[in-house]
């Protein structure tokens, strides 16, 4: 199993909020977030678990490394 396997949407949401992202709307089963310093939006699906490839894309949009993401997620 990889480092990013098995993350629930609520765990990813917690990291987003700790890094300053705010929920702006929900479209279907996806929660859309924005950050005041980023032109990108993050679309977080509300299904368990968040797949590894999608999670890597979200981490990239947050301008984090995988290790930095895991550090924030463990707090």
Protein backbone atom coordinates (compact mmCIF):
# COMPACT_ATOMS: atom_id res chain seq x y z
CA UNK A 1 0.00 0.00 0.00
CA UNK A 2 1.26 3.49 -0.88
CA UNK A 3 1.52 6.54 1.36
CA UNK A 4 -1.56 8.16 -0.18
CA UNK A 5 -3.88 5.14 -0.24
CA UNK A 6 -7.09 5.23 1.74
CA UNK A 7 -7.54 8.95 2.48
CA UNK A 8 -11.14 9.86 3.23
CA UNK A 9 -12.55 13.15 1.88
CA UNK A 10 -12.89 14.51 5.43
CA UNK A 11 -9.13 13.97 6.01
CA UNK A 12 -8.27 15.83 2.79
CA UNK A 13 -10.77 18.57 3.74
CA UNK A 14 -8.94 19.01 7.08
CA UNK A 15 -5.61 19.54 5.27
CA UNK A 16 -7.21 22.01 2.84
CA UNK A 17 -8.65 24.06 5.72
CA UNK A 18 -5.36 24.03 7.64
CA UNK A 19 -3.61 25.38 4.54
CA UNK A 20 -6.08 28.27 4.12
CA UNK A 21 -8.46 26.85 1.49
CA UNK A 22 -12.15 27.66 1.88
CA UNK A 23 -15.21 25.83 0.61
CA UNK A 24 -17.08 27.99 -1.90
CA UNK A 25 -19.69 25.64 -3.32
CA UNK A 26 -20.81 22.07 -3.79
CA UNK A 27 -21.60 20.77 -7.24
CA UNK A 28 -23.13 17.31 -7.22
CA UNK A 29 -20.86 15.15 -5.09
CA UNK A 30 -17.84 17.48 -5.40
CA UNK A 31 -16.84 20.23 -3.00
CA UNK A 32 -15.10 23.17 -4.66
CA UNK A 33 -12.48 25.12 -2.70
CA UNK A 34 -10.45 28.26 -3.35
CA UNK A 35 -7.40 29.91 -1.82
CA UNK A 36 -6.82 33.67 -1.80
CA UNK A 37 -3.25 33.25 -3.14
CA UNK A 38 -3.99 30.67 -5.85
CA UNK A 39 -5.76 31.07 -9.20
CA UNK A 40 -6.67 27.35 -9.08
CA UNK A 41 -9.77 25.76 -7.63
CA UNK A 42 -9.67 22.36 -5.95
CA UNK A 43 -12.50 19.91 -6.61
CA UNK A 44 -12.74 17.34 -3.81
CA UNK A 45 -15.03 14.37 -4.50
CA UNK A 46 -17.25 13.26 -1.66
CA UNK A 47 -16.70 9.52 -2.01
CA UNK A 48 -14.50 7.16 -0.02
CA UNK A 49 -11.57 6.76 -0.54
CA UNK A 50 -10.08 9.57 -2.64
CA UNK A 51 -8.06 7.78 -5.31
CA UNK A 52 -4.29 8.18 -5.30
CA UNK A 53 -3.95 9.89 -8.71
CA UNK A 54 -6.68 12.40 -7.90
CA UNK A 55 -5.15 13.09 -4.49
CA UNK A 56 -1.75 13.75 -6.10
CA UNK A 57 -3.43 16.29 -8.40
CA UNK A 58 -5.08 18.01 -5.43
CA UNK A 59 -1.74 18.12 -3.62
CA UNK A 60 -0.12 19.72 -6.68
CA UNK A 61 -2.84 22.38 -6.85
CA UNK A 62 -2.19 23.12 -3.17
CA UNK A 63 1.51 23.71 -3.99
CA UNK A 64 2.59 21.02 -1.52
CA UNK A 65 4.87 18.01 -1.72
CA UNK A 66 3.50 14.61 -0.76
CA UNK A 67 5.64 14.66 2.40
CA UNK A 68 4.35 18.12 3.38
CA UNK A 69 0.76 16.95 2.82
CA UNK A 70 1.32 13.88 4.99
CA UNK A 71 2.88 16.03 7.72
CA UNK A 72 -0.15 18.32 7.85
CA UNK A 73 -2.52 15.34 7.68
CA UNK A 74 -0.87 13.68 10.70
CA UNK A 75 -1.31 16.71 12.98
